[in-house]
Amino acid sequence: MRLALPRWTGPLAVKAAVFITVMCCALAALLGVLVHVSVTDQTVG
């Protein structure tokens, strides 16, 4: 028995997946910048 899903759940799922991917990338980039700054401060300062 297949679950009858509304028609908009397909595009919504795609949008949610893209949103989550972008947010993960942004978080990883932010974390990388923070680590880079702290390491640079330790080595230079």
N, C-alpha and C. Protein backbone atom coordinates (compact mmCIF):
# COMPACT_ATOMS: atom_id res chain seq x y z
N MET A 1 0.84 -1.20 0.00
CA MET A 1 0.00 0.00 0.00
C MET A 1 0.88 1.25 0.00
N ARG A 2 0.68 2.08 -1.00
CA ARG A 2 1.50 3.29 -1.11
C ARG A 2 0.81 4.46 -0.44
N LEU A 3 1.62 5.27 0.22
CA LEU A 3 1.08 6.44 0.89
C LEU A 3 0.81 7.53 -0.14
N ALA A 4 -0.38 8.11 -0.08
CA ALA A 4 -0.73 9.17 -1.02
C ALA A 4 -0.22 10.51 -0.48
N LEU A 5 0.85 11.00 -1.11
CA LEU A 5 1.43 12.26 -0.68
C LEU A 5 0.93 13.40 -1.56
N PRO A 6 0.80 14.58 -1.00
CA PRO A 6 0.42 15.74 -1.82
C PRO A 6 1.46 16.01 -2.89
N ARG A 7 1.06 16.72 -3.93
CA ARG A 7 1.94 16.92 -5.07
C ARG A 7 3.14 17.81 -4.73
N TRP A 8 2.98 18.71 -3.75
CA TRP A 8 4.05 19.65 -3.45
C TRP A 8 5.16 19.06 -2.58
N THR A 9 4.99 17.83 -2.08
CA THR A 9 6.02 17.26 -1.20
C THR A 9 7.30 16.94 -1.95
N GLY A 10 7.21 16.63 -3.26
CA GLY A 10 8.41 16.35 -4.06
C GLY A 10 9.34 17.55 -4.11
N PRO A 11 8.86 18.67 -4.67
CA PRO A 11 9.70 19.88 -4.73
C PRO A 11 10.13 20.35 -3.34
N LEU A 12 9.25 20.17 -2.36
CA LEU A 12 9.58 20.60 -1.00
C LEU A 12 10.74 19.78 -0.46
N ALA A 13 10.72 18.48 -0.72
CA ALA A 13 11.81 17.61 -0.25
C ALA A 13 13.12 18.00 -0.92
N VAL A 14 13.06 18.33 -2.20
CA VAL A 14 14.26 18.75 -2.93
C VAL A 14 14.79 20.05 -2.34
N LYS A 15 13.87 21.00 -2.09
CA LYS A 15 14.28 22.29 -1.52
C LYS A 15 14.88 22.10 -0.14
N ALA A 16 14.29 21.21 0.66
CA ALA A 16 14.81 20.95 2.01
C ALA A 16 16.20 20.34 1.93
N ALA A 17 16.40 19.41 1.00
CA ALA A 17 17.71 18.77 0.85
C ALA A 17 18.77 19.79 0.43
N VAL A 18 18.41 20.65 -0.51
CA VAL A 18 19.34 21.68 -0.98
C VAL A 18 19.65 22.65 0.16
N PHE A 19 18.62 23.03 0.91
CA PHE A 19 18.79 23.96 2.02
C PHE A 19 19.73 23.39 3.08
N ILE A 20 19.51 22.11 3.42
CA ILE A 20 20.36 21.45 4.42
C ILE A 20 21.80 21.37 3.92
N THR A 21 21.98 21.03 2.65
CA THR A 21 23.32 20.93 2.08
C THR A 21 24.03 22.27 2.14
N VAL A 22 23.33 23.34 1.74
CA VAL A 22 23.92 24.69 1.75
C VAL A 22 24.27 25.11 3.17
N MET A 23 23.36 24.80 4.11
CA MET A 23 23.62 25.18 5.51
C MET A 23 24.84 24.43 6.07
N CYS A 24 24.96 23.14 5.72
CA CYS A 24 26.12 22.36 6.18
C CYS A 24 27.41 22.94 5.60
N CYS A 25 27.38 23.30 4.33
CA CYS A 25 28.57 23.87 3.69
C CYS A 25 28.93 25.21 4.34
N ALA A 26 27.91 26.03 4.61
CA ALA A 26 28.15 27.33 5.23
C ALA A 26 28.73 27.15 6.63
N LEU A 27 28.20 26.20 7.37
CA LEU A 27 28.69 25.93 8.72
C LEU A 27 30.13 25.44 8.68
N ALA A 28 30.44 24.55 7.74
CA ALA A 28 31.79 24.02 7.61
C ALA A 28 32.76 25.15 7.24
N ALA A 29 32.34 26.03 6.34
CA ALA A 29 33.19 27.15 5.93
C ALA A 29 33.44 28.10 7.10
N LEU A 30 32.39 28.39 7.86
CA LEU A 30 32.52 29.27 9.02
C LEU A 30 33.46 28.67 10.06
N LEU A 31 33.28 27.37 10.30
CA LEU A 31 34.14 26.68 11.26
C LEU A 31 35.59 26.69 10.79
N GLY A 32 35.79 26.47 9.50
CA GLY A 32 37.14 26.50 8.94
C GLY A 32 37.80 27.86 9.11
N VAL A 33 37.02 28.92 8.87
CA VAL A 33 37.56 30.27 9.02
C VAL A 33 37.93 30.54 10.48
N LEU A 34 37.04 30.13 11.41
CA LEU A 34 37.32 30.35 12.83
C LEU A 34 38.57 29.61 13.27
N VAL A 35 38.71 28.35 12.85
CA VAL A 35 39.88 27.57 13.21
C VAL A 35 41.13 28.19 12.60
N HIS A 36 41.04 28.62 11.35
CA HIS A 36 42.17 29.23 10.66
C HIS A 36 42.62 30.50 11.39
N VAL A 37 41.66 31.31 11.80
CA VAL A 37 41.97 32.57 12.50
C VAL A 37 42.63 32.28 13.84
N SER A 38 42.09 31.31 14.58
CA SER A 38 42.65 31.01 15.91
C SER A 38 44.05 30.42 15.78
N VAL A 39 44.27 29.55 14.80
CA VAL A 39 45.60 28.95 14.60
C VAL A 39 46.59 30.01 14.16
N THR A 40 46.15 30.92 13.28
CA THR A 40 47.03 32.00 12.81
C THR A 40 47.41 32.90 13.98
N ASP A 41 46.45 33.21 14.84
CA ASP A 41 46.72 34.03 16.02
C ASP A 41 47.76 33.36 16.92
N GLN A 42 47.63 32.04 17.09
CA GLN A 42 48.57 31.32 17.95
C GLN A 42 49.98 31.29 17.36
N THR A 43 50.08 31.08 16.06
CA THR A 43 51.40 30.93 15.44
C THR A 43 52.06 32.29 15.24
N VAL A 44 51.30 33.31 14.85
CA VAL A 44 51.87 34.63 14.58
C VAL A 44 52.07 35.41 15.88
N GLY A 45 51.01 35.43 16.71
CA GLY A 45 51.08 36.21 17.94
C GLY A 45 51.86 35.48 18.99
